[in-house]
Amino acid sequence: MRTKQHGEGFVGRIEAETVVSGVIAGAIMIGVESMASLVTGRHVLLPFRYAASIVMGSDALEGSWLSVFILGTIVHFSIATMFAFAYGVMNTQLPGRERAWGAREAMLGMLFATVVWLLDFQLIARFFYPWMLDHSQPVQWWLHAVGFGLPLGLLFAAREKAPDDVVRPAGGPHV
């Protein structure tokens, strides 16, 4: 259920709705990554191992599947939610009409996910989690852009209200 927006720049609603979109996009992302693992002949739960390895280190690549699955799920969705929240904060800088435009949000979401991939894999993983670089990095980029960024942008745009639906305070400016 959406809360009412009381004018442009009201931060709480936008971030809350982006977090919901981020959880959904995170579910799509982990599904796409699991399918990619399966298609490449690896275990379907390998992405959960990699997510768990952020906390457990390389031990997650060998640990019990159940504990790694649970920890990997928590880590994956925590990261997806954190990045989705950042995406929402970034979007509060845009006028409402632009935030509701699906094509623009799709491209912005994919660009945002590209930055996430660059940060996570090309910077952080190189120094702290080198085992995450064992896979094709162009494929990892594509999985992030299309599996997370595209749905995040489209879901965010779909959850935005049309400018006519925005509730403004009495006496406030009308667009």
N, C-alpha and C. Protein backbone atom coordinates (compact mmCIF):
# COMPACT_ATOMS: atom_id res chain seq x y z
N MET A 1 0.84 -1.17 0.00
CA MET A 1 0.00 0.00 0.00
C MET A 1 0.89 1.24 0.00
N ARG A 2 0.57 2.18 -0.85
CA ARG A 2 1.37 3.39 -0.95
C ARG A 2 0.86 4.45 0.01
N THR A 3 1.81 5.22 0.52
CA THR A 3 1.44 6.36 1.35
C THR A 3 1.29 7.58 0.44
N LYS A 4 0.67 8.62 0.95
CA LYS A 4 0.46 9.81 0.15
C LYS A 4 1.73 10.66 0.09
N GLN A 5 1.99 11.19 -1.09
CA GLN A 5 3.11 12.10 -1.26
C GLN A 5 2.58 13.51 -1.06
N HIS A 6 3.23 14.27 -0.22
CA HIS A 6 2.77 15.62 0.08
C HIS A 6 3.60 16.67 -0.63
N GLY A 7 3.98 16.41 -1.85
CA GLY A 7 4.74 17.38 -2.63
C GLY A 7 6.07 16.81 -3.07
N GLU A 8 6.67 17.44 -4.04
CA GLU A 8 7.98 17.03 -4.55
C GLU A 8 9.02 17.11 -3.45
N GLY A 9 9.94 16.18 -3.47
CA GLY A 9 11.02 16.21 -2.51
C GLY A 9 10.71 15.51 -1.20
N PHE A 10 9.47 15.02 -1.01
CA PHE A 10 9.13 14.27 0.20
C PHE A 10 9.84 12.94 0.10
N VAL A 11 10.79 12.71 0.98
CA VAL A 11 11.73 11.62 0.83
C VAL A 11 11.18 10.27 1.26
N GLY A 12 10.48 10.15 2.35
CA GLY A 12 10.10 8.87 2.91
C GLY A 12 9.35 7.94 1.99
N ARG A 13 8.35 8.40 1.30
CA ARG A 13 7.56 7.55 0.42
C ARG A 13 8.39 6.98 -0.70
N ILE A 14 9.20 7.80 -1.31
CA ILE A 14 9.98 7.37 -2.47
C ILE A 14 10.96 6.27 -2.07
N GLU A 15 11.69 6.48 -0.99
CA GLU A 15 12.64 5.45 -0.57
C GLU A 15 11.93 4.17 -0.15
N ALA A 16 10.81 4.31 0.56
CA ALA A 16 10.07 3.12 1.00
C ALA A 16 9.60 2.31 -0.21
N GLU A 17 9.08 2.98 -1.21
CA GLU A 17 8.62 2.27 -2.39
C GLU A 17 9.78 1.71 -3.20
N THR A 18 10.91 2.39 -3.17
CA THR A 18 12.08 1.87 -3.87
C THR A 18 12.61 0.62 -3.18
N VAL A 19 12.54 0.59 -1.86
CA VAL A 19 12.97 -0.60 -1.13
C VAL A 19 12.10 -1.79 -1.52
N VAL A 20 10.79 -1.60 -1.61
CA VAL A 20 9.90 -2.68 -2.05
C VAL A 20 10.30 -3.12 -3.46
N SER A 21 10.53 -2.17 -4.34
CA SER A 21 10.98 -2.49 -5.70
C SER A 21 12.33 -3.20 -5.67
N GLY A 22 13.21 -2.81 -4.75
CA GLY A 22 14.52 -3.43 -4.63
C GLY A 22 14.45 -4.88 -4.19
N VAL A 23 13.52 -5.19 -3.29
CA VAL A 23 13.36 -6.58 -2.85
C VAL A 23 12.87 -7.43 -4.02
N ILE A 24 11.93 -6.90 -4.79
CA ILE A 24 11.43 -7.63 -5.95
C ILE A 24 12.54 -7.78 -6.99
N ALA A 25 13.26 -6.69 -7.28
CA ALA A 25 14.37 -6.75 -8.24
C ALA A 25 15.47 -7.69 -7.73
N GLY A 26 15.70 -7.71 -6.42
CA GLY A 26 16.68 -8.63 -5.84
C GLY A 26 16.26 -10.08 -6.05
N ALA A 27 14.96 -10.36 -5.93
CA ALA A 27 14.46 -11.72 -6.18
C ALA A 27 14.65 -12.10 -7.65
N ILE A 28 14.38 -11.16 -8.54
CA ILE A 28 14.60 -11.41 -9.97
C ILE A 28 16.09 -11.66 -10.22
N MET A 29 16.94 -10.84 -9.63
CA MET A 29 18.38 -10.96 -9.81
C MET A 29 18.89 -12.33 -9.34
N ILE A 30 18.50 -12.76 -8.15
CA ILE A 30 18.99 -14.04 -7.63
C ILE A 30 18.45 -15.19 -8.49
N GLY A 31 17.24 -15.03 -9.01
CA GLY A 31 16.69 -16.04 -9.92
C GLY A 31 17.47 -16.12 -11.21
N VAL A 32 17.78 -14.97 -11.79
CA VAL A 32 18.56 -14.93 -13.04
C VAL A 32 19.96 -15.48 -12.81
N GLU A 33 20.58 -15.11 -11.70
CA GLU A 33 21.92 -15.63 -11.39
C GLU A 33 21.90 -17.13 -11.17
N SER A 34 20.88 -17.64 -10.49
CA SER A 34 20.77 -19.09 -10.27
C SER A 34 20.59 -19.83 -11.58
N MET A 35 19.77 -19.28 -12.48
CA MET A 35 19.59 -19.90 -13.80
C MET A 35 20.88 -19.87 -14.59
N ALA A 36 21.61 -18.75 -14.52
CA ALA A 36 22.90 -18.66 -15.23
C ALA A 36 23.88 -19.69 -14.69
N SER A 37 23.88 -19.91 -13.38
CA SER A 37 24.75 -20.94 -12.79
C SER A 37 24.37 -22.31 -13.32
N LEU A 38 23.10 -22.58 -13.36
CA LEU A 38 22.62 -23.88 -13.83
C LEU A 38 22.99 -24.09 -15.30
N VAL A 39 22.78 -23.07 -16.12
CA VAL A 39 23.08 -23.16 -17.56
C VAL A 39 24.57 -23.39 -17.81
N THR A 40 25.41 -22.83 -16.96
CA THR A 40 26.86 -22.98 -17.13
C THR A 40 27.41 -24.22 -16.45
N GLY A 41 26.52 -25.10 -15.97
CA GLY A 41 26.94 -26.36 -15.39
C GLY A 41 27.35 -26.28 -13.93
N ARG A 42 27.02 -25.22 -13.27
CA ARG A 42 27.33 -25.06 -11.85
C ARG A 42 26.07 -25.28 -11.03
N HIS A 43 26.24 -25.33 -9.74
CA HIS A 43 25.09 -25.57 -8.86
C HIS A 43 24.16 -24.36 -8.86
N VAL A 44 22.87 -24.62 -8.83
CA VAL A 44 21.85 -23.57 -8.89
C VAL A 44 21.95 -22.62 -7.69
N LEU A 45 22.48 -23.09 -6.56
CA LEU A 45 22.57 -22.24 -5.38
C LEU A 45 23.94 -21.55 -5.24
N LEU A 46 24.77 -21.62 -6.28
CA LEU A 46 26.09 -20.96 -6.23
C LEU A 46 26.01 -19.46 -5.91
N PRO A 47 25.06 -18.72 -6.48
CA PRO A 47 24.97 -17.29 -6.13
C PRO A 47 24.75 -17.05 -4.63
N PHE A 48 24.07 -17.96 -3.97
CA PHE A 48 23.87 -17.84 -2.52
C PHE A 48 25.19 -18.05 -1.78
N ARG A 49 26.02 -18.96 -2.29
CA ARG A 49 27.35 -19.18 -1.70
C ARG A 49 28.20 -17.90 -1.83
N TYR A 50 28.15 -17.30 -3.00
CA TYR A 50 28.93 -16.07 -3.19
C TYR A 50 28.44 -14.95 -2.28
N ALA A 51 27.14 -14.83 -2.14
CA ALA A 51 26.61 -13.80 -1.23
C ALA A 51 27.04 -14.10 0.21
N ALA A 52 26.94 -15.35 0.62
CA ALA A 52 27.35 -15.72 1.99
C ALA A 52 28.84 -15.50 2.20
N SER A 53 29.63 -15.60 1.13
CA SER A 53 31.08 -15.44 1.27
C SER A 53 31.47 -14.02 1.64
N ILE A 54 30.57 -13.08 1.48
CA ILE A 54 30.85 -11.71 1.91
C ILE A 54 31.03 -11.67 3.43
N VAL A 55 30.31 -12.54 4.13
CA VAL A 55 30.40 -12.62 5.59
C VAL A 55 31.39 -13.72 6.01
N MET A 56 31.31 -14.88 5.36
CA MET A 56 32.08 -16.05 5.78
C MET A 56 33.45 -16.18 5.11
N GLY A 57 33.70 -15.37 4.09
CA GLY A 57 34.91 -15.55 3.32
C GLY A 57 34.78 -16.77 2.42
N SER A 58 35.90 -17.26 1.94
CA SER A 58 35.87 -18.37 0.99
C SER A 58 35.34 -19.67 1.61
N ASP A 59 35.21 -19.72 2.94
CA ASP A 59 34.63 -20.90 3.59
C ASP A 59 33.20 -21.16 3.12
N ALA A 60 32.50 -20.13 2.70
CA ALA A 60 31.12 -20.29 2.23
C ALA A 60 31.06 -21.14 0.96
N LEU A 61 32.15 -21.22 0.23
CA LEU A 61 32.17 -22.00 -0.99
C LEU A 61 32.20 -23.50 -0.70
N GLU A 62 32.49 -23.86 0.54
CA GLU A 62 32.60 -25.27 0.93
C GLU A 62 31.60 -25.65 2.02
N GLY A 63 30.95 -24.70 2.66
CA GLY A 63 30.11 -24.96 3.84
C GLY A 63 28.82 -25.70 3.53
N SER A 64 28.07 -25.98 4.60
CA SER A 64 26.77 -26.64 4.51
C SER A 64 25.83 -25.81 3.64
N TRP A 65 25.11 -26.49 2.73
CA TRP A 65 24.23 -25.77 1.82
C TRP A 65 23.12 -25.02 2.55
N LEU A 66 22.57 -25.60 3.59
CA LEU A 66 21.45 -24.95 4.27
C LEU A 66 21.88 -23.66 4.95
N SER A 67 22.96 -23.71 5.72
CA SER A 67 23.41 -22.50 6.41
C SER A 67 23.88 -21.44 5.42
N VAL A 68 24.55 -21.88 4.37
CA VAL A 68 25.02 -20.94 3.35
C VAL A 68 23.84 -20.34 2.60
N PHE A 69 22.81 -21.14 2.32
CA PHE A 69 21.62 -20.64 1.65
C PHE A 69 20.92 -19.58 2.49
N ILE A 70 20.77 -19.84 3.78
CA ILE A 70 20.11 -18.88 4.67
C ILE A 70 20.92 -17.59 4.78
N LEU A 71 22.21 -17.72 5.05
CA LEU A 71 23.06 -16.53 5.16
C LEU A 71 23.15 -15.79 3.83
N GLY A 72 23.29 -16.54 2.73
CA GLY A 72 23.36 -15.92 1.40
C GLY A 72 22.11 -15.14 1.06
N THR A 73 20.95 -15.68 1.45
CA THR A 73 19.67 -14.99 1.21
C THR A 73 19.63 -13.68 2.00
N ILE A 74 20.02 -13.74 3.25
CA ILE A 74 20.02 -12.52 4.09
C ILE A 74 20.97 -11.48 3.52
N VAL A 75 22.18 -11.90 3.17
CA VAL A 75 23.18 -10.96 2.63
C VAL A 75 22.71 -10.39 1.30
N HIS A 76 22.24 -11.25 0.40
CA HIS A 76 21.81 -10.80 -0.93
C HIS A 76 20.70 -9.74 -0.84
N PHE A 77 19.68 -10.04 -0.03
CA PHE A 77 18.56 -9.10 0.05
C PHE A 77 18.92 -7.85 0.84
N SER A 78 19.85 -7.95 1.76
CA SER A 78 20.34 -6.75 2.47
C SER A 78 21.04 -5.82 1.50
N ILE A 79 21.88 -6.39 0.65
CA ILE A 79 22.60 -5.58 -0.33
C ILE A 79 21.63 -5.00 -1.37
N ALA A 80 20.70 -5.82 -1.85
CA ALA A 80 19.72 -5.34 -2.83
C ALA A 80 18.90 -4.19 -2.25
N THR A 81 18.50 -4.33 -0.99
CA THR A 81 17.72 -3.28 -0.34
C THR A 81 18.54 -2.01 -0.15
N MET A 82 19.80 -2.17 0.25
CA MET A 82 20.67 -1.01 0.44
C MET A 82 20.86 -0.24 -0.87
N PHE A 83 21.13 -0.97 -1.95
CA PHE A 83 21.33 -0.29 -3.23
C PHE A 83 20.01 0.29 -3.75
N ALA A 84 18.90 -0.38 -3.53
CA ALA A 84 17.61 0.16 -3.95
C ALA A 84 17.29 1.44 -3.20
N PHE A 85 17.61 1.47 -1.91
CA PHE A 85 17.40 2.69 -1.13
C PHE A 85 18.24 3.84 -1.72
N ALA A 86 19.49 3.54 -2.06
CA ALA A 86 20.35 4.57 -2.68
C ALA A 86 19.76 5.04 -4.00
N TYR A 87 19.19 4.13 -4.76
CA TYR A 87 18.54 4.48 -6.02
C TYR A 87 17.36 5.42 -5.76
N GLY A 88 16.59 5.13 -4.72
CA GLY A 88 15.46 5.99 -4.35
C GLY A 88 15.91 7.37 -3.94
N VAL A 89 16.99 7.44 -3.15
CA VAL A 89 17.53 8.75 -2.73
C VAL A 89 17.94 9.54 -3.96
N MET A 90 18.62 8.87 -4.89
CA MET A 90 19.05 9.54 -6.12
C MET A 90 17.82 10.06 -6.89
N ASN A 91 16.77 9.28 -6.93
CA ASN A 91 15.57 9.66 -7.67
C ASN A 91 14.79 10.79 -7.03
N THR A 92 14.98 11.06 -5.75
CA THR A 92 14.26 12.17 -5.13
C THR A 92 14.69 13.50 -5.72
N GLN A 93 15.80 13.51 -6.41
CA GLN A 93 16.29 14.74 -7.02
C GLN A 93 15.58 15.05 -8.34
N LEU A 94 14.80 14.11 -8.84
CA LEU A 94 14.13 14.28 -10.12
C LEU A 94 12.68 14.71 -9.92
N PRO A 95 12.16 15.52 -10.84
CA PRO A 95 10.74 15.88 -10.77
C PRO A 95 9.86 14.63 -10.94
N GLY A 96 8.66 14.66 -10.36
CA GLY A 96 7.76 13.52 -10.41
C GLY A 96 7.48 12.99 -11.80
N ARG A 97 7.32 13.87 -12.77
CA ARG A 97 7.03 13.43 -14.14
C ARG A 97 8.16 12.56 -14.69
N GLU A 98 9.38 12.90 -14.38
CA GLU A 98 10.52 12.11 -14.86
C GLU A 98 10.61 10.78 -14.15
N ARG A 99 10.26 10.74 -12.87
CA ARG A 99 10.33 9.49 -12.11
C ARG A 99 9.29 8.48 -12.59
N ALA A 100 8.22 8.94 -13.18
CA ALA A 100 7.16 8.04 -13.62
C ALA A 100 7.35 7.57 -15.06
N TRP A 101 8.41 7.99 -15.73
CA TRP A 101 8.64 7.62 -17.13
C TRP A 101 9.43 6.31 -17.17
N GLY A 102 8.77 5.22 -17.56
CA GLY A 102 9.34 3.89 -17.53
C GLY A 102 10.62 3.71 -18.32
N ALA A 103 10.67 4.22 -19.55
CA ALA A 103 11.87 4.03 -20.38
C ALA A 103 13.08 4.72 -19.75
N ARG A 104 12.86 5.90 -19.22
CA ARG A 104 13.96 6.63 -18.59
C ARG A 104 14.43 5.89 -17.33
N GLU A 105 13.49 5.43 -16.52
CA GLU A 105 13.85 4.71 -15.30
C GLU A 105 14.52 3.37 -15.61
N ALA A 106 14.11 2.72 -16.70
CA ALA A 106 14.76 1.46 -17.11
C ALA A 106 16.23 1.71 -17.43
N MET A 107 16.49 2.76 -18.19
CA MET A 107 17.88 3.09 -18.55
C MET A 107 18.66 3.54 -17.31
N LEU A 108 18.03 4.35 -16.48
CA LEU A 108 18.70 4.82 -15.26
C LEU A 108 18.98 3.65 -14.32
N GLY A 109 18.04 2.72 -14.21
CA GLY A 109 18.24 1.53 -13.39
C GLY A 109 19.40 0.69 -13.89
N MET A 110 19.51 0.51 -15.20
CA MET A 110 20.61 -0.27 -15.77
C MET A 110 21.94 0.45 -15.58
N LEU A 111 21.94 1.76 -15.71
CA LEU A 111 23.16 2.53 -15.46
C LEU A 111 23.55 2.43 -13.99
N PHE A 112 22.58 2.55 -13.11
CA PHE A 112 22.84 2.43 -11.68
C PHE A 112 23.42 1.05 -11.35
N ALA A 113 22.83 -0.01 -11.91
CA ALA A 113 23.32 -1.37 -11.67
C ALA A 113 24.73 -1.56 -12.23
N THR A 114 25.05 -0.86 -13.31
CA THR A 114 26.41 -0.92 -13.85
C THR A 114 27.39 -0.32 -12.85
N VAL A 115 27.01 0.78 -12.24
CA VAL A 115 27.86 1.40 -11.21
C VAL A 115 27.99 0.45 -10.01
N VAL A 116 26.91 -0.21 -9.63
CA VAL A 116 26.94 -1.20 -8.54
C VAL A 116 27.92 -2.31 -8.89
N TRP A 117 27.84 -2.84 -10.11
CA TRP A 117 28.74 -3.90 -10.56
C TRP A 117 30.19 -3.42 -10.53
N LEU A 118 30.44 -2.23 -11.03
CA LEU A 118 31.81 -1.69 -11.00
C LEU A 118 32.33 -1.59 -9.57
N LEU A 119 31.50 -1.08 -8.68
CA LEU A 119 31.89 -0.94 -7.28
C LEU A 119 32.10 -2.31 -6.63
N ASP A 120 31.11 -3.20 -6.77
CA ASP A 120 31.15 -4.49 -6.09
C ASP A 120 32.22 -5.43 -6.64
N PHE A 121 32.30 -5.54 -7.96
CA PHE A 121 33.20 -6.54 -8.55
C PHE A 121 34.54 -5.97 -8.95
N GLN A 122 34.55 -4.81 -9.58
CA GLN A 122 35.80 -4.31 -10.10
C GLN A 122 36.64 -3.57 -9.08
N LEU A 123 36.04 -3.22 -7.96
CA LEU A 123 36.80 -2.55 -6.91
C LEU A 123 36.87 -3.42 -5.65
N ILE A 124 35.74 -3.63 -5.01
CA ILE A 124 35.73 -4.33 -3.72
C ILE A 124 36.17 -5.79 -3.85
N ALA A 125 35.59 -6.54 -4.80
CA ALA A 125 35.93 -7.96 -4.93
C ALA A 125 37.40 -8.16 -5.28
N ARG A 126 37.97 -7.29 -6.06
CA ARG A 126 39.39 -7.43 -6.43
C ARG A 126 40.30 -7.41 -5.20
N PHE A 127 39.90 -6.67 -4.18
CA PHE A 127 40.73 -6.56 -2.99
C PHE A 127 40.34 -7.55 -1.89
N PHE A 128 39.06 -7.86 -1.75
CA PHE A 128 38.60 -8.64 -0.60
C PHE A 128 37.99 -10.00 -0.94
N TYR A 129 37.44 -10.17 -2.13
CA TYR A 129 36.74 -11.40 -2.50
C TYR A 129 37.16 -11.86 -3.90
N PRO A 130 38.43 -12.17 -4.11
CA PRO A 130 38.91 -12.48 -5.47
C PRO A 130 38.23 -13.69 -6.11
N TRP A 131 37.68 -14.61 -5.32
CA TRP A 131 36.99 -15.77 -5.88
C TRP A 131 35.74 -15.36 -6.65
N MET A 132 35.23 -14.18 -6.40
CA MET A 132 34.05 -13.72 -7.13
C MET A 132 34.38 -13.30 -8.56
N LEU A 133 35.65 -13.22 -8.87
CA LEU A 133 36.07 -12.84 -10.22
C LEU A 133 36.31 -14.07 -11.10
N ASP A 134 36.00 -15.26 -10.58
CA ASP A 134 36.21 -16.50 -11.34
C ASP A 134 35.25 -16.64 -12.51
N HIS A 135 34.23 -15.83 -12.55
CA HIS A 135 33.22 -15.92 -13.61
C HIS A 135 33.44 -14.78 -14.61
N SER A 136 32.86 -14.94 -15.78
CA SER A 136 32.93 -13.92 -16.82
C SER A 136 32.40 -12.59 -16.29
N GLN A 137 33.23 -11.58 -16.28
CA GLN A 137 32.79 -10.27 -15.79
C GLN A 137 31.80 -9.59 -16.72
N PRO A 138 31.92 -9.72 -18.04
CA PRO A 138 30.86 -9.16 -18.88
C PRO A 138 29.49 -9.80 -18.60
N VAL A 139 29.48 -11.10 -18.31
CA VAL A 139 28.22 -11.76 -17.97
C VAL A 139 27.72 -11.24 -16.63
N GLN A 140 28.61 -11.08 -15.66
CA GLN A 140 28.20 -10.53 -14.36
C GLN A 140 27.63 -9.12 -14.53
N TRP A 141 28.27 -8.33 -15.38
CA TRP A 141 27.73 -6.98 -15.63
C TRP A 141 26.32 -7.09 -16.21
N TRP A 142 26.15 -7.95 -17.21
CA TRP A 142 24.85 -8.09 -17.85
C TRP A 142 23.80 -8.55 -16.85
N LEU A 143 24.17 -9.52 -15.99
CA LEU A 143 23.23 -10.00 -14.98
C LEU A 143 22.82 -8.89 -14.03
N HIS A 144 23.75 -8.02 -13.68
CA HIS A 144 23.42 -6.90 -12.80
C HIS A 144 22.55 -5.87 -13.51
N ALA A 145 22.93 -5.51 -14.73
CA ALA A 145 22.19 -4.48 -15.46
C ALA A 145 20.77 -4.94 -15.81
N VAL A 146 20.65 -6.16 -16.35
CA VAL A 146 19.36 -6.64 -16.81
C VAL A 146 18.58 -7.35 -15.69
N GLY A 147 19.30 -8.05 -14.79
CA GLY A 147 18.64 -8.80 -13.74
C GLY A 147 18.25 -7.98 -12.52
N PHE A 148 18.95 -6.87 -12.29
CA PHE A 148 18.63 -6.03 -11.14
C PHE A 148 18.23 -4.61 -11.56
N GLY A 149 19.07 -3.95 -12.34
CA GLY A 149 18.82 -2.55 -12.69
C GLY A 149 17.56 -2.32 -13.51
N LEU A 150 17.37 -3.15 -14.53
CA LEU A 150 16.18 -3.00 -15.37
C LEU A 150 14.89 -3.19 -14.57
N PRO A 151 14.76 -4.31 -13.82
CA PRO A 151 13.53 -4.43 -13.03
C PRO A 151 13.39 -3.36 -11.97
N LEU A 152 14.51 -2.96 -11.34
CA LEU A 152 14.44 -1.91 -10.32
C LEU A 152 13.88 -0.63 -10.92
N GLY A 153 14.40 -0.21 -12.06
CA GLY A 153 13.92 1.01 -12.71
C GLY A 153 12.47 0.92 -13.13
N LEU A 154 12.10 -0.20 -13.74
CA LEU A 154 10.73 -0.36 -14.21
C LEU A 154 9.74 -0.45 -13.04
N LEU A 155 10.12 -1.18 -12.01
CA LEU A 155 9.24 -1.28 -10.83
C LEU A 155 9.10 0.07 -10.13
N PHE A 156 10.20 0.80 -10.05
CA PHE A 156 10.16 2.11 -9.43
C PHE A 156 9.21 3.02 -10.21
N ALA A 157 9.35 3.04 -11.53
CA ALA A 157 8.49 3.90 -12.36
C ALA A 157 7.03 3.49 -12.22
N ALA A 158 6.77 2.19 -12.18
CA ALA A 158 5.39 1.71 -12.07
C ALA A 158 4.77 2.09 -10.73
N ARG A 159 5.58 2.17 -9.69
CA ARG A 159 5.06 2.49 -8.36
C ARG A 159 4.89 4.00 -8.16
N GLU A 160 5.49 4.79 -9.03
CA GLU A 160 5.34 6.24 -8.91
C GLU A 160 3.94 6.65 -9.33
N LYS A 161 3.41 7.63 -8.65
CA LYS A 161 2.09 8.13 -8.99
C LYS A 161 2.20 9.12 -10.14
N ALA A 162 1.18 9.15 -10.95
CA ALA A 162 1.10 10.18 -11.97
C ALA A 162 0.98 11.53 -11.27
N PRO A 163 1.51 12.60 -11.87
CA PRO A 163 1.46 13.92 -11.21
C PRO A 163 0.05 14.34 -10.78
N ASP A 164 -0.99 13.90 -11.49
CA ASP A 164 -2.36 14.28 -11.11
C ASP A 164 -2.80 13.59 -9.82
N ASP A 165 -2.16 12.47 -9.46
CA ASP A 165 -2.53 11.72 -8.26
C ASP A 165 -1.83 12.22 -7.00
N VAL A 166 -0.88 13.12 -7.15
CA VAL A 166 -0.09 13.58 -6.02
C VAL A 166 -0.95 14.50 -5.15
N VAL A 167 -0.98 14.22 -3.87
CA VAL A 167 -1.72 15.04 -2.92
C VAL A 167 -0.78 16.13 -2.41
N ARG A 168 -1.16 17.38 -2.58
CA ARG A 168 -0.31 18.49 -2.16
C ARG A 168 -0.99 19.21 -0.97
N PRO A 169 -0.19 19.80 -0.11
CA PRO A 169 -0.77 20.54 1.01
C PRO A 169 -1.61 21.71 0.52
N ALA A 170 -2.63 22.07 1.29
CA ALA A 170 -3.49 23.19 0.91
C ALA A 170 -2.66 24.46 0.78
N GLY A 171 -2.91 25.20 -0.27
CA GLY A 171 -2.21 26.46 -0.51
C GLY A 171 -0.82 26.27 -1.13
N GLY A 172 -0.43 25.02 -1.36
CA GLY A 172 0.90 24.75 -1.94
C GLY A 172 0.86 24.96 -3.45
N PRO A 173 2.03 24.94 -4.08
CA PRO A 173 2.09 25.13 -5.53
C PRO A 173 1.46 23.95 -6.26
N HIS A 174 0.84 24.20 -7.38
CA HIS A 174 0.24 23.16 -8.20
C HIS A 174 0.96 23.14 -9.53
N VAL A 175 1.29 21.92 -9.96
CA VAL A 175 2.02 21.77 -11.23
C VAL A 175 1.08 21.28 -12.29
